[in-house]
């Protein structure tokens, strides 16, 4: 009888441990997707600002913005206000 109770208690402990691990993973996924969504929003806004300031963007500019990390997007967004050309904001296109 004691073995049965001990087994049940151990089983409950295992369930709680698995629940805690799943809860932590869920929280991490939520943060990850929230950050990805924020970065996508920053990129979309930057493309809009660049387009309004410099006209339709060439493909290389859209690609560069799409691949950029959040910190870089913020720097470029600040640069839009004072730049006189797209190249001043994003740099020159990669030679093809």
Protein backbone atom coordinates (compact mmCIF):
# COMPACT_ATOMS: atom_id res chain seq x y z
CA UNK A 1 0.00 0.00 0.00
CA UNK A 2 2.82 2.43 0.86
CA UNK A 3 4.45 1.70 -2.48
CA UNK A 4 1.23 2.62 -4.27
CA UNK A 5 0.93 5.93 -2.40
CA UNK A 6 4.62 6.72 -3.02
CA UNK A 7 4.21 5.92 -6.70
CA UNK A 8 1.16 8.19 -6.93
CA UNK A 9 2.96 11.03 -5.14
CA UNK A 10 5.97 10.64 -7.43
CA UNK A 11 3.65 10.61 -10.43
CA UNK A 12 2.04 13.85 -9.25
CA UNK A 13 5.48 15.43 -8.74
CA UNK A 14 6.40 14.43 -12.31
CA UNK A 15 3.23 16.01 -13.64
CA UNK A 16 3.97 19.27 -11.81
CA UNK A 17 7.54 19.31 -13.13
CA UNK A 18 6.30 18.76 -16.68
CA UNK A 19 3.69 21.50 -16.20
CA UNK A 20 6.34 23.96 -14.97
CA UNK A 21 8.60 23.15 -17.93
CA UNK A 22 5.70 23.59 -20.38
CA UNK A 23 4.73 26.86 -18.72
CA UNK A 24 8.30 28.20 -19.04
CA UNK A 25 8.49 27.13 -22.69
CA UNK A 26 5.15 28.81 -23.40
CA UNK A 27 6.36 32.06 -21.82
CA UNK A 28 9.55 31.95 -23.93
CA UNK A 29 7.57 31.34 -27.12
CA UNK A 30 5.28 34.24 -26.29
CA UNK A 31 8.22 36.59 -25.82
CA UNK A 32 9.87 35.35 -29.00
CA UNK A 33 6.76 35.87 -31.13
CA UNK A 34 6.08 39.25 -29.52
CA UNK A 35 9.61 40.39 -30.42
CA UNK A 36 9.28 39.06 -33.97
CA UNK A 37 6.00 40.93 -34.37
CA UNK A 38 7.53 44.13 -33.05
CA UNK A 39 10.47 43.80 -35.46
CA UNK A 40 8.15 43.19 -38.41
CA UNK A 41 6.15 46.28 -37.45
CA UNK A 42 9.33 48.36 -37.26
CA UNK A 43 10.38 47.16 -40.71
CA UNK A 44 6.97 47.92 -42.21
CA UNK A 45 6.97 51.40 -40.74
CA UNK A 46 10.51 52.08 -41.95
CA UNK A 47 9.63 50.99 -45.49
CA UNK A 48 6.66 53.34 -45.38
CA UNK A 49 8.77 56.27 -44.14
CA UNK A 50 11.52 55.61 -46.69
CA UNK A 51 8.98 55.36 -49.51
CA UNK A 52 7.30 58.61 -48.56
CA UNK A 53 10.63 60.40 -48.28
CA UNK A 54 12.51 58.95 -51.28
CA UNK A 55 9.82 57.41 -53.51
CA UNK A 56 9.35 53.76 -54.41
CA UNK A 57 12.10 51.61 -52.91
CA UNK A 58 14.34 49.43 -55.02
CA UNK A 59 14.29 45.72 -54.26
CA UNK A 60 17.72 45.81 -52.56
CA UNK A 61 16.42 48.37 -50.03
CA UNK A 62 13.34 46.32 -49.18
CA UNK A 63 15.50 43.23 -48.78
CA UNK A 64 17.99 45.02 -46.55
CA UNK A 65 15.24 46.37 -44.31
CA UNK A 66 13.56 42.96 -44.17
CA UNK A 67 16.73 41.27 -42.95
CA UNK A 68 17.69 43.91 -40.37
CA UNK A 69 17.52 43.46 -36.62
CA UNK A 70 15.52 45.77 -34.39
CA UNK A 71 18.47 47.93 -33.28
CA UNK A 72 19.47 48.59 -36.90
CA UNK A 73 15.89 49.41 -37.87
CA UNK A 74 15.77 52.00 -35.08
CA UNK A 75 19.00 53.63 -36.28
CA UNK A 76 17.70 53.80 -39.84
CA UNK A 77 14.36 55.22 -38.68
CA UNK A 78 16.22 58.03 -36.89
CA UNK A 79 18.35 58.67 -39.98
CA UNK A 80 15.29 59.10 -42.23
CA UNK A 81 14.58 62.46 -40.64
CA UNK A 82 17.87 64.07 -41.70
CA UNK A 83 19.04 62.09 -44.72
CA UNK A 84 18.94 63.56 -48.20
CA UNK A 85 19.12 60.20 -49.97
CA UNK A 86 18.22 56.57 -49.50
CA UNK A 87 21.92 55.68 -49.54
CA UNK A 88 22.50 57.98 -46.55
CA UNK A 89 20.05 55.89 -44.56
CA UNK A 90 20.69 52.32 -45.72
CA UNK A 91 24.09 52.59 -47.33
CA UNK A 92 24.85 51.79 -50.93
CA UNK A 93 23.37 48.76 -52.68
CA UNK A 94 25.42 45.59 -52.74
CA UNK A 95 27.25 45.19 -56.04
CA UNK A 96 25.65 42.46 -58.09
